[in-house]
């Protein structure tokens, strides 16, 4: 399944340097927040017993 390209990547403020995504000076504050949230989400670990960071309880009865 293809990943959805975040909207901020389509902006002229976005700089797509491998391993160094960032925004040019003057980028709107909301776009800065979106980029920061996206980059933070990439750092979330997928640990054993989780799916997308959500703990899965295989013994749950509900």
Protein backbone atom coordinates (compact mmCIF):
# COMPACT_ATOMS: atom_id res chain seq x y z
CA UNK A 1 0.00 0.00 0.00
CA UNK A 2 1.55 3.34 -0.99
CA UNK A 3 2.18 5.93 1.68
CA UNK A 4 0.29 9.20 1.54
CA UNK A 5 2.62 12.10 0.84
CA UNK A 6 2.25 14.74 3.59
CA UNK A 7 0.89 18.06 2.36
CA UNK A 8 3.90 20.04 3.62
CA UNK A 9 6.14 18.17 1.14
CA UNK A 10 4.31 19.89 -1.71
CA UNK A 11 5.12 23.38 -0.40
CA UNK A 12 7.82 25.64 -1.88
CA UNK A 13 9.07 26.06 1.72
CA UNK A 14 9.90 22.36 1.98
CA UNK A 15 13.51 21.24 1.43
CA UNK A 16 13.85 17.52 0.66
CA UNK A 17 17.46 16.78 1.55
CA UNK A 18 18.03 13.08 2.27
CA UNK A 19 18.14 12.67 6.04
CA UNK A 20 17.63 16.40 6.59
CA UNK A 21 14.08 17.41 5.81
CA UNK A 22 13.47 21.00 6.81
CA UNK A 23 11.59 24.15 5.89
CA UNK A 24 12.96 27.37 4.49
CA UNK A 25 12.81 30.55 6.57
CA UNK A 26 9.37 32.14 6.59
CA UNK A 27 7.41 28.87 6.50
CA UNK A 28 3.98 29.21 8.15
CA UNK A 29 3.87 28.16 11.82
CA UNK A 30 1.25 25.46 11.14
CA UNK A 31 3.51 23.90 8.51
CA UNK A 32 6.41 23.91 10.97
CA UNK A 33 4.24 22.07 13.49
CA UNK A 34 3.13 19.52 10.87
CA UNK A 35 6.73 18.79 9.88
CA UNK A 36 7.84 18.46 13.51
CA UNK A 37 4.95 16.10 14.29
CA UNK A 38 5.68 14.01 11.20
CA UNK A 39 9.38 13.71 11.98
CA UNK A 40 8.58 12.81 15.59
CA UNK A 41 6.20 10.08 14.42
CA UNK A 42 9.04 8.48 12.45
CA UNK A 43 10.97 8.06 15.69
CA UNK A 44 8.20 6.06 17.39
CA UNK A 45 9.48 2.54 17.90
CA UNK A 46 7.51 -0.46 16.74
CA UNK A 47 8.18 -2.72 19.68
CA UNK A 48 7.16 -6.35 19.99
CA UNK A 49 3.49 -6.55 20.92
CA UNK A 50 2.59 -3.26 19.24
CA UNK A 51 1.07 -2.18 15.97
CA UNK A 52 1.92 1.39 14.99
CA UNK A 53 2.85 2.12 18.60
CA UNK A 54 -0.39 0.71 20.05
CA UNK A 55 0.03 -2.02 22.64
CA UNK A 56 -1.83 -5.18 21.62
CA UNK A 57 -3.21 -7.35 24.41
CA UNK A 58 -3.69 -10.77 22.85
CA UNK A 59 -5.46 -12.02 25.97
CA UNK A 60 -8.11 -9.30 25.98
CA UNK A 61 -11.69 -10.55 26.13
CA UNK A 62 -13.32 -7.36 24.83
